[in-house]
Structure formats: C-alpha cells, structure tokens
mmCIF file of all heavy atoms, coordinates in Angstrom:
data_MODEL
# 
_entry.id   MODEL 
# 
loop_
_atom_site.group_PDB 
_atom_site.id 
_atom_site.type_symbol 
_atom_site.label_atom_id 
_atom_site.label_alt_id 
_atom_site.label_comp_id 
_atom_site.label_asym_id 
_atom_site.label_entity_id 
_atom_site.label_seq_id 
_atom_site.pdbx_PDB_ins_code 
_atom_site.Cartn_x 
_atom_site.Cartn_y 
_atom_site.Cartn_z 
_atom_site.occupancy 
_atom_site.B_iso_or_equiv 
_atom_site.pdbx_formal_charge 
_atom_site.auth_seq_id 
_atom_site.auth_comp_id 
_atom_site.auth_asym_id 
_atom_site.auth_atom_id 
_atom_site.pdbx_PDB_model_num 
ATOM 1   N N   . ALA A 1 1  ? 126.496 143.126 131.116 1.00 0.00 ? 1  ALA A N   1 
ATOM 2   C CA  . ALA A 1 1  ? 126.840 141.908 130.381 1.00 0.00 ? 1  ALA A CA  1 
ATOM 3   C C   . ALA A 1 1  ? 125.709 140.884 130.426 1.00 0.00 ? 1  ALA A C   1 
ATOM 4   O O   . ALA A 1 1  ? 125.467 140.174 129.443 1.00 0.00 ? 1  ALA A O   1 
ATOM 5   C CB  . ALA A 1 1  ? 128.123 141.306 130.942 1.00 0.00 ? 1  ALA A CB  1 
ATOM 6   N N   . ASP A 1 2  ? 125.007 140.801 131.539 1.00 0.00 ? 2  ASP A N   1 
ATOM 7   C CA  . ASP A 1 2  ? 123.911 139.833 131.637 1.00 0.00 ? 2  ASP A CA  1 
ATOM 8   C C   . ASP A 1 2  ? 122.779 140.166 130.675 1.00 0.00 ? 2  ASP A C   1 
ATOM 9   O O   . ASP A 1 2  ? 122.212 139.272 130.026 1.00 0.00 ? 2  ASP A O   1 
ATOM 10  C CB  . ASP A 1 2  ? 123.373 139.804 133.074 1.00 0.00 ? 2  ASP A CB  1 
ATOM 11  C CG  . ASP A 1 2  ? 124.346 139.152 134.050 1.00 0.00 ? 2  ASP A CG  1 
ATOM 12  O OD1 . ASP A 1 2  ? 125.241 138.414 133.587 1.00 0.00 ? 2  ASP A OD1 1 
ATOM 13  O OD2 . ASP A 1 2  ? 124.211 139.392 135.259 1.00 0.00 ? 2  ASP A OD2 1 
ATOM 14  N N   . THR A 1 3  ? 122.451 141.449 130.574 1.00 0.00 ? 3  THR A N   1 
ATOM 15  C CA  . THR A 1 3  ? 121.393 141.851 129.632 1.00 0.00 ? 3  THR A CA  1 
ATOM 16  C C   . THR A 1 3  ? 121.831 141.578 128.197 1.00 0.00 ? 3  THR A C   1 
ATOM 17  O O   . THR A 1 3  ? 121.050 141.094 127.377 1.00 0.00 ? 3  THR A O   1 
ATOM 18  C CB  . THR A 1 3  ? 121.063 143.337 129.805 1.00 0.00 ? 3  THR A CB  1 
ATOM 19  O OG1 . THR A 1 3  ? 120.688 143.582 131.166 1.00 0.00 ? 3  THR A OG1 1 
ATOM 20  C CG2 . THR A 1 3  ? 119.922 143.745 128.886 1.00 0.00 ? 3  THR A CG2 1 
ATOM 21  N N   . ALA A 1 4  ? 123.087 141.895 127.917 1.00 0.00 ? 4  ALA A N   1 
ATOM 22  C CA  . ALA A 1 4  ? 123.606 141.618 126.576 1.00 0.00 ? 4  ALA A CA  1 
ATOM 23  C C   . ALA A 1 4  ? 123.517 140.130 126.256 1.00 0.00 ? 4  ALA A C   1 
ATOM 24  O O   . ALA A 1 4  ? 123.153 139.739 125.134 1.00 0.00 ? 4  ALA A O   1 
ATOM 25  C CB  . ALA A 1 4  ? 125.051 142.098 126.465 1.00 0.00 ? 4  ALA A CB  1 
ATOM 26  N N   . ALA A 1 5  ? 123.848 139.299 127.232 1.00 0.00 ? 5  ALA A N   1 
ATOM 27  C CA  . ALA A 1 5  ? 123.773 137.851 127.027 1.00 0.00 ? 5  ALA A CA  1 
ATOM 28  C C   . ALA A 1 5  ? 122.346 137.410 126.742 1.00 0.00 ? 5  ALA A C   1 
ATOM 29  O O   . ALA A 1 5  ? 122.104 136.550 125.877 1.00 0.00 ? 5  ALA A O   1 
ATOM 30  C CB  . ALA A 1 5  ? 124.322 137.120 128.244 1.00 0.00 ? 5  ALA A CB  1 
ATOM 31  N N   . GLN A 1 6  ? 121.369 137.982 127.443 1.00 0.00 ? 6  GLN A N   1 
ATOM 32  C CA  . GLN A 1 6  ? 119.974 137.625 127.201 1.00 0.00 ? 6  GLN A CA  1 
ATOM 33  C C   . GLN A 1 6  ? 119.541 138.020 125.798 1.00 0.00 ? 6  GLN A C   1 
ATOM 34  O O   . GLN A 1 6  ? 118.878 137.245 125.097 1.00 0.00 ? 6  GLN A O   1 
ATOM 35  C CB  . GLN A 1 6  ? 119.089 138.311 128.240 1.00 0.00 ? 6  GLN A CB  1 
ATOM 36  C CG  . GLN A 1 6  ? 119.257 137.778 129.649 1.00 0.00 ? 6  GLN A CG  1 
ATOM 37  C CD  . GLN A 1 6  ? 118.488 138.598 130.675 1.00 0.00 ? 6  GLN A CD  1 
ATOM 38  O OE1 . GLN A 1 6  ? 117.739 139.512 130.328 1.00 0.00 ? 6  GLN A OE1 1 
ATOM 39  N NE2 . GLN A 1 6  ? 118.671 138.271 131.943 1.00 0.00 ? 6  GLN A NE2 1 
ATOM 40  N N   . VAL A 1 7  ? 119.922 139.232 125.386 1.00 0.00 ? 7  VAL A N   1 
ATOM 41  C CA  . VAL A 1 7  ? 119.538 139.710 124.050 1.00 0.00 ? 7  VAL A CA  1 
ATOM 42  C C   . VAL A 1 7  ? 120.147 138.817 122.965 1.00 0.00 ? 7  VAL A C   1 
ATOM 43  O O   . VAL A 1 7  ? 119.456 138.357 122.041 1.00 0.00 ? 7  VAL A O   1 
ATOM 44  C CB  . VAL A 1 7  ? 119.969 141.173 123.855 1.00 0.00 ? 7  VAL A CB  1 
ATOM 45  C CG1 . VAL A 1 7  ? 119.774 141.609 122.400 1.00 0.00 ? 7  VAL A CG1 1 
ATOM 46  C CG2 . VAL A 1 7  ? 119.182 142.095 124.786 1.00 0.00 ? 7  VAL A CG2 1 
ATOM 47  N N   . LEU A 1 8  ? 121.443 138.571 123.055 1.00 0.00 ? 8  LEU A N   1 
ATOM 48  C CA  . LEU A 1 8  ? 122.106 137.787 122.013 1.00 0.00 ? 8  LEU A CA  1 
ATOM 49  C C   . LEU A 1 8  ? 121.672 136.330 122.031 1.00 0.00 ? 8  LEU A C   1 
ATOM 50  O O   . LEU A 1 8  ? 121.601 135.688 120.975 1.00 0.00 ? 8  LEU A O   1 
ATOM 51  C CB  . LEU A 1 8  ? 123.622 137.900 122.157 1.00 0.00 ? 8  LEU A CB  1 
ATOM 52  C CG  . LEU A 1 8  ? 124.214 139.292 121.901 1.00 0.00 ? 8  LEU A CG  1 
ATOM 53  C CD1 . LEU A 1 8  ? 125.730 139.231 121.880 1.00 0.00 ? 8  LEU A CD1 1 
ATOM 54  C CD2 . LEU A 1 8  ? 123.696 139.898 120.603 1.00 0.00 ? 8  LEU A CD2 1 
ATOM 55  N N   . SER A 1 9  ? 121.354 135.802 123.195 1.00 0.00 ? 9  SER A N   1 
ATOM 56  C CA  . SER A 1 9  ? 120.872 134.421 123.256 1.00 0.00 ? 9  SER A CA  1 
ATOM 57  C C   . SER A 1 9  ? 119.531 134.283 122.541 1.00 0.00 ? 9  SER A C   1 
ATOM 58  O O   . SER A 1 9  ? 119.315 133.308 121.805 1.00 0.00 ? 9  SER A O   1 
ATOM 59  C CB  . SER A 1 9  ? 120.748 133.976 124.712 1.00 0.00 ? 9  SER A CB  1 
ATOM 60  O OG  . SER A 1 9  ? 122.015 133.911 125.329 1.00 0.00 ? 9  SER A OG  1 
ATOM 61  N N   . GLU A 1 10 ? 118.641 135.232 122.759 1.00 0.00 ? 10 GLU A N   1 
ATOM 62  C CA  . GLU A 1 10 ? 117.347 135.193 122.074 1.00 0.00 ? 10 GLU A CA  1 
ATOM 63  C C   . GLU A 1 10 ? 117.511 135.404 120.576 1.00 0.00 ? 10 GLU A C   1 
ATOM 64  O O   . GLU A 1 10 ? 116.850 134.755 119.763 1.00 0.00 ? 10 GLU A O   1 
ATOM 65  C CB  . GLU A 1 10 ? 116.399 136.231 122.665 1.00 0.00 ? 10 GLU A CB  1 
ATOM 66  C CG  . GLU A 1 10 ? 115.799 135.823 123.992 1.00 0.00 ? 10 GLU A CG  1 
ATOM 67  C CD  . GLU A 1 10 ? 115.030 134.503 123.877 1.00 0.00 ? 10 GLU A CD  1 
ATOM 68  O OE1 . GLU A 1 10 ? 114.137 134.401 123.019 1.00 0.00 ? 10 GLU A OE1 1 
ATOM 69  O OE2 . GLU A 1 10 ? 115.350 133.564 124.634 1.00 0.00 ? 10 GLU A OE2 1 
ATOM 70  N N   . ALA A 1 11 ? 118.391 136.324 120.201 1.00 0.00 ? 11 ALA A N   1 
ATOM 71  C CA  . ALA A 1 11 ? 118.660 136.533 118.779 1.00 0.00 ? 11 ALA A CA  1 
ATOM 72  C C   . ALA A 1 11 ? 119.228 135.269 118.149 1.00 0.00 ? 11 ALA A C   1 
ATOM 73  O O   . ALA A 1 11 ? 118.861 134.890 117.029 1.00 0.00 ? 11 ALA A O   1 
ATOM 74  C CB  . ALA A 1 11 ? 119.618 137.702 118.591 1.00 0.00 ? 11 ALA A CB  1 
ATOM 75  N N   . GLY A 1 12 ? 120.134 134.612 118.870 1.00 0.00 ? 12 GLY A N   1 
ATOM 76  C CA  . GLY A 1 12 ? 120.718 133.374 118.368 1.00 0.00 ? 12 GLY A CA  1 
ATOM 77  C C   . GLY A 1 12 ? 119.693 132.276 118.207 1.00 0.00 ? 12 GLY A C   1 
ATOM 78  O O   . GLY A 1 12 ? 119.738 131.501 117.241 1.00 0.00 ? 12 GLY A O   1 
ATOM 79  N N   . ARG A 1 13 ? 118.766 132.204 119.150 1.00 0.00 ? 13 ARG A N   1 
ATOM 80  C CA  . ARG A 1 13 ? 117.699 131.196 119.038 1.00 0.00 ? 13 ARG A CA  1 
ATOM 81  C C   . ARG A 1 13 ? 116.874 131.449 117.782 1.00 0.00 ? 13 ARG A C   1 
ATOM 82  O O   . ARG A 1 13 ? 116.573 130.510 117.028 1.00 0.00 ? 13 ARG A O   1 
ATOM 83  C CB  . ARG A 1 13 ? 116.804 131.249 120.273 1.00 0.00 ? 13 ARG A CB  1 
ATOM 84  C CG  . ARG A 1 13 ? 115.705 130.180 120.282 1.00 0.00 ? 13 ARG A CG  1 
ATOM 85  C CD  . ARG A 1 13 ? 114.563 130.562 121.186 1.00 0.00 ? 13 ARG A CD  1 
ATOM 86  N NE  . ARG A 1 13 ? 113.910 131.786 120.739 1.00 0.00 ? 13 ARG A NE  1 
ATOM 87  C CZ  . ARG A 1 13 ? 113.041 131.832 119.723 1.00 0.00 ? 13 ARG A CZ  1 
ATOM 88  N NH1 . ARG A 1 13 ? 112.752 130.755 119.034 1.00 0.00 ? 13 ARG A NH1 1 
ATOM 89  N NH2 . ARG A 1 13 ? 112.486 132.986 119.392 1.00 0.00 ? 13 ARG A NH2 1 
ATOM 90  N N   . PHE A 1 14 ? 116.503 132.690 117.532 1.00 0.00 ? 14 PHE A N   1 
ATOM 91  C CA  . PHE A 1 14 ? 115.708 133.000 116.342 1.00 0.00 ? 14 PHE A CA  1 
ATOM 92  C C   . PHE A 1 14 ? 116.474 132.652 115.066 1.00 0.00 ? 14 PHE A C   1 
ATOM 93  O O   . PHE A 1 14 ? 115.931 132.023 114.149 1.00 0.00 ? 14 PHE A O   1 
ATOM 94  C CB  . PHE A 1 14 ? 115.324 134.486 116.341 1.00 0.00 ? 14 PHE A CB  1 
ATOM 95  C CG  . PHE A 1 14 ? 114.487 134.883 115.158 1.00 0.00 ? 14 PHE A CG  1 
ATOM 96  C CD1 . PHE A 1 14 ? 113.111 134.715 115.176 1.00 0.00 ? 14 PHE A CD1 1 
ATOM 97  C CD2 . PHE A 1 14 ? 115.073 135.404 114.014 1.00 0.00 ? 14 PHE A CD2 1 
ATOM 98  C CE1 . PHE A 1 14 ? 112.335 135.059 114.075 1.00 0.00 ? 14 PHE A CE1 1 
ATOM 99  C CE2 . PHE A 1 14 ? 114.316 135.747 112.911 1.00 0.00 ? 14 PHE A CE2 1 
ATOM 100 C CZ  . PHE A 1 14 ? 112.935 135.578 112.938 1.00 0.00 ? 14 PHE A CZ  1 
ATOM 101 N N   . ALA A 1 15 ? 117.741 133.057 115.012 1.00 0.00 ? 15 ALA A N   1 
ATOM 102 C CA  . ALA A 1 15 ? 118.536 132.787 113.808 1.00 0.00 ? 15 ALA A CA  1 
ATOM 103 C C   . ALA A 1 15 ? 118.711 131.294 113.579 1.00 0.00 ? 15 ALA A C   1 
ATOM 104 O O   . ALA A 1 15 ? 118.548 130.795 112.452 1.00 0.00 ? 15 ALA A O   1 
ATOM 105 C CB  . ALA A 1 15 ? 119.893 133.472 113.921 1.00 0.00 ? 15 ALA A CB  1 
ATOM 106 N N   . SER A 1 16 ? 119.023 130.565 114.640 1.00 0.00 ? 16 SER A N   1 
ATOM 107 C CA  . SER A 1 16 ? 119.331 129.136 114.507 1.00 0.00 ? 16 SER A CA  1 
ATOM 108 C C   . SER A 1 16 ? 118.087 128.286 114.297 1.00 0.00 ? 16 SER A C   1 
ATOM 109 O O   . SER A 1 16 ? 118.107 127.330 113.506 1.00 0.00 ? 16 SER A O   1 
ATOM 110 C CB  . SER A 1 16 ? 120.081 128.649 115.748 1.00 0.00 ? 16 SER A CB  1 
ATOM 111 O OG  . SER A 1 16 ? 121.251 129.388 115.971 1.00 0.00 ? 16 SER A OG  1 
ATOM 112 N N   . GLN A 1 17 ? 117.012 128.613 114.995 1.00 0.00 ? 17 GLN A N   1 
ATOM 113 C CA  . GLN A 1 17 ? 115.833 127.747 114.991 1.00 0.00 ? 17 GLN A CA  1 
ATOM 114 C C   . GLN A 1 17 ? 114.749 128.172 114.009 1.00 0.00 ? 17 GLN A C   1 
ATOM 115 O O   . GLN A 1 17 ? 113.946 127.334 113.590 1.00 0.00 ? 17 GLN A O   1 
ATOM 116 C CB  . GLN A 1 17 ? 115.248 127.681 116.404 1.00 0.00 ? 17 GLN A CB  1 
ATOM 117 C CG  . GLN A 1 17 ? 116.191 127.095 117.426 1.00 0.00 ? 17 GLN A CG  1 
ATOM 118 C CD  . GLN A 1 17 ? 115.603 127.070 118.823 1.00 0.00 ? 17 GLN A CD  1 
ATOM 119 O OE1 . GLN A 1 17 ? 114.388 127.163 119.012 1.00 0.00 ? 17 GLN A OE1 1 
ATOM 120 N NE2 . GLN A 1 17 ? 116.460 126.953 119.832 1.00 0.00 ? 17 GLN A NE2 1 
ATOM 121 N N   . VAL A 1 18 ? 114.710 129.442 113.647 1.00 0.00 ? 18 VAL A N   1 
ATOM 122 C CA  . VAL A 1 18 ? 113.662 129.920 112.741 1.00 0.00 ? 18 VAL A CA  1 
ATOM 123 C C   . VAL A 1 18 ? 114.207 130.166 111.340 1.00 0.00 ? 18 VAL A C   1 
ATOM 124 O O   . VAL A 1 18 ? 113.657 129.672 110.349 1.00 0.00 ? 18 VAL A O   1 
ATOM 125 C CB  . VAL A 1 18 ? 113.002 131.201 113.293 1.00 0.00 ? 18 VAL A CB  1 
ATOM 126 C CG1 . VAL A 1 18 ? 111.945 131.727 112.319 1.00 0.00 ? 18 VAL A CG1 1 
ATOM 127 C CG2 . VAL A 1 18 ? 112.383 130.935 114.661 1.00 0.00 ? 18 VAL A CG2 1 
ATOM 128 N N   . LEU A 1 19 ? 115.311 130.911 111.235 1.00 0.00 ? 19 LEU A N   1 
ATOM 129 C CA  . LEU A 1 19 ? 115.812 131.296 109.913 1.00 0.00 ? 19 LEU A CA  1 
ATOM 130 C C   . LEU A 1 19 ? 116.638 130.211 109.236 1.00 0.00 ? 19 LEU A C   1 
ATOM 131 O O   . LEU A 1 19 ? 116.463 129.947 108.039 1.00 0.00 ? 19 LEU A O   1 
ATOM 132 C CB  . LEU A 1 19 ? 116.641 132.575 110.019 1.00 0.00 ? 19 LEU A CB  1 
ATOM 133 C CG  . LEU A 1 19 ? 115.896 133.851 110.390 1.00 0.00 ? 19 LEU A CG  1 
ATOM 134 C CD1 . LEU A 1 19 ? 116.847 135.045 110.353 1.00 0.00 ? 19 LEU A CD1 1 
ATOM 135 C CD2 . LEU A 1 19 ? 114.722 134.079 109.444 1.00 0.00 ? 19 LEU A CD2 1 
ATOM 136 N N   . ALA A 1 20 ? 117.563 129.593 109.978 1.00 0.00 ? 20 ALA A N   1 
ATOM 137 C CA  . ALA A 1 20 ? 118.453 128.606 109.354 1.00 0.00 ? 20 ALA A CA  1 
ATOM 138 C C   . ALA A 1 20 ? 117.693 127.454 108.702 1.00 0.00 ? 20 ALA A C   1 
ATOM 139 O O   . ALA A 1 20 ? 118.064 127.027 107.593 1.00 0.00 ? 20 ALA A O   1 
ATOM 140 C CB  . ALA A 1 20 ? 119.461 128.081 110.375 1.00 0.00 ? 20 ALA A CB  1 
ATOM 141 N N   . PRO A 1 21 ? 116.619 126.925 109.314 1.00 0.00 ? 21 PRO A N   1 
ATOM 142 C CA  . PRO A 1 21 ? 115.900 125.836 108.646 1.00 0.00 ? 21 PRO A CA  1 
ATOM 143 C C   . PRO A 1 21 ? 115.231 126.248 107.330 1.00 0.00 ? 21 PRO A C   1 
ATOM 144 O O   . PRO A 1 21 ? 114.893 125.379 106.516 1.00 0.00 ? 21 PRO A O   1 
ATOM 145 C CB  . PRO A 1 21 ? 114.838 125.430 109.686 1.00 0.00 ? 21 PRO A CB  1 
ATOM 146 C CG  . PRO A 1 21 ? 115.431 125.825 110.995 1.00 0.00 ? 21 PRO A CG  1 
ATOM 147 C CD  . PRO A 1 21 ? 116.160 127.102 110.711 1.00 0.00 ? 21 PRO A CD  1 
ATOM 148 N N   . LEU A 1 22 ? 115.057 127.545 107.094 1.00 0.00 ? 22 LEU A N   1 
ATOM 149 C CA  . LEU A 1 22 ? 114.431 128.017 105.851 1.00 0.00 ? 22 LEU A CA  1 
ATOM 150 C C   . LEU A 1 22 ? 115.457 128.294 104.752 1.00 0.00 ? 22 LEU A C   1 
ATOM 151 O O   . LEU A 1 22 ? 115.078 128.577 103.617 1.00 0.00 ? 22 LEU A O   1 
ATOM 152 C CB  . LEU A 1 22 ? 113.644 129.312 106.115 1.00 0.00 ? 22 LEU A CB  1 
ATOM 153 C CG  . LEU A 1 22 ? 112.535 129.252 107.163 1.00 0.00 ? 22 LEU A CG  1 
ATOM 154 C CD1 . LEU A 1 22 ? 111.945 130.644 107.368 1.00 0.00 ? 22 LEU A CD1 1 
ATOM 155 C CD2 . LEU A 1 22 ? 111.457 128.264 106.750 1.00 0.00 ? 22 LEU A CD2 1 
ATOM 156 N N   . ASN A 1 23 ? 116.742 128.207 105.084 1.00 0.00 ? 23 ASN A N   1 
ATOM 157 C CA  . ASN A 1 23 ? 117.773 128.656 104.163 1.00 0.00 ? 23 ASN A CA  1 
ATOM 158 C C   . ASN A 1 23 ? 117.833 127.818 102.884 1.00 0.00 ? 23 ASN A C   1 
ATOM 159 O O   . ASN A 1 23 ? 117.783 128.354 101.774 1.00 0.00 ? 23 ASN A O   1 
ATOM 160 C CB  . ASN A 1 23 ? 119.128 128.631 104.871 1.00 0.00 ? 23 ASN A CB  1 
ATOM 161 C CG  . ASN A 1 23 ? 120.228 129.272 104.054 1.00 0.00 ? 23 ASN A CG  1 
ATOM 162 O OD1 . ASN A 1 23 ? 120.062 130.350 103.498 1.00 0.00 ? 23 ASN A OD1 1 
ATOM 163 N ND2 . ASN A 1 23 ? 121.372 128.606 103.978 1.00 0.00 ? 23 ASN A ND2 1 
ATOM 164 N N   . ALA A 1 24 ? 117.948 126.506 103.032 1.00 0.00 ? 24 ALA A N   1 
ATOM 165 C CA  . ALA A 1 24 ? 118.080 125.644 101.846 1.00 0.00 ? 24 ALA A CA  1 
ATOM 166 C C   . ALA A 1 24 ? 116.811 125.665 101.008 1.00 0.00 ? 24 ALA A C   1 
ATOM 167 O O   . ALA A 1 24 ? 116.872 125.721 99.766  1.00 0.00 ? 24 ALA A O   1 
ATOM 168 C CB  . ALA A 1 24 ? 118.412 124.219 102.276 1.00 0.00 ? 24 ALA A CB  1 
ATOM 169 N N   . GLY A 1 25 ? 115.642 125.637 101.663 1.00 0.00 ? 25 GLY A N   1 
ATOM 170 C CA  . GLY A 1 25 ? 114.389 125.682 100.911 1.00 0.00 ? 25 GLY A CA  1 
ATOM 171 C C   . GLY A 1 25 ? 114.220 126.979 100.157 1.00 0.00 ? 25 GLY A C   1 
ATOM 172 O O   . GLY A 1 25 ? 113.731 126.997 99.017  1.00 0.00 ? 25 GLY A O   1 
ATOM 173 N N   . GLY A 1 26 ? 114.612 128.083 100.787 1.00 0.00 ? 26 GLY A N   1 
ATOM 174 C CA  . GLY A 1 26 ? 114.544 129.362 100.096 1.00 0.00 ? 26 GLY A CA  1 
ATOM 175 C C   . GLY A 1 26 ? 115.421 129.397 98.865  1.00 0.00 ? 26 GLY A C   1 
ATOM 176 O O   . GLY A 1 26 ? 115.070 129.997 97.845  1.00 0.00 ? 26 GLY A O   1 
ATOM 177 N N   . ASP A 1 27 ? 116.579 128.732 98.941  1.00 0.00 ? 27 ASP A N   1 
ATOM 178 C CA  . ASP A 1 27 ? 117.477 128.661 97.785  1.00 0.00 ? 27 ASP A CA  1 
ATOM 179 C C   . ASP A 1 27 ? 116.870 127.811 96.674  1.00 0.00 ? 27 ASP A C   1 
ATOM 180 O O   . ASP A 1 27 ? 116.926 128.175 95.496  1.00 0.00 ? 27 ASP A O   1 
ATOM 181 C CB  . ASP A 1 27 ? 118.818 128.078 98.229  1.00 0.00 ? 27 ASP A CB  1 
ATOM 182 C CG  . ASP A 1 27 ? 119.824 127.995 97.104  1.00 0.00 ? 27 ASP A CG  1 
ATOM 183 O OD1 . ASP A 1 27 ? 120.186 129.057 96.571  1.00 0.00 ? 27 ASP A OD1 1 
ATOM 184 O OD2 . ASP A 1 27 ? 120.249 126.877 96.765  1.00 0.00 ? 27 ASP A OD2 1 
ATOM 185 N N   . ARG A 1 28 ? 116.260 126.676 97.029  1.00 0.00 ? 28 ARG A N   1 
ATOM 186 C CA  . ARG A 1 28 ? 115.698 125.781 96.011  1.00 0.00 ? 28 ARG A CA  1 
ATOM 187 C C   . ARG A 1 28 ? 114.454 126.375 95.347  1.00 0.00 ? 28 ARG A C   1 
ATOM 188 O O   . ARG A 1 28 ? 114.296 126.315 94.131  1.00 0.00 ? 28 ARG A O   1 
ATOM 189 C CB  . ARG A 1 28 ? 115.331 124.429 96.637  1.00 0.00 ? 28 ARG A CB  1 
ATOM 190 C CG  . ARG A 1 28 ? 116.493 123.557 96.998  1.00 0.00 ? 28 ARG A CG  1 
ATOM 191 C CD  . ARG A 1 28 ? 116.032 122.141 97.312  1.00 0.00 ? 28 ARG A CD  1 
ATOM 192 N NE  . ARG A 1 28 ? 115.027 122.125 98.370  1.00 0.00 ? 28 ARG A NE  1 
ATOM 193 C CZ  . ARG A 1 28 ? 115.308 122.015 99.666  1.00 0.00 ? 28 ARG A CZ  1 
ATOM 194 N NH1 . ARG A 1 28 ? 116.561 121.924 100.054 1.00 0.00 ? 28 ARG A NH1 1 
ATOM 195 N NH2 . ARG A 1 28 ? 114.344 121.994 100.571 1.00 0.00 ? 28 ARG A NH2 1 
# 
C-alpha cells in the first residue's frame, strides 16, 4: 500500500500541476 500511495501521489502531482493548467489553453 505504501508503494501504491507513492506512485499515485506522484501521478496526481503531474496531473494536477502539469496537465490541468494546460487544459483551458489547449481548448482555446
């Protein structure tokens, strides 16, 4: 469970901090 938490936390950081800020601009 600890390893899973590390993997998903890093994935969440990438999605939230890298991809989400590009979403609206990509649409426009």
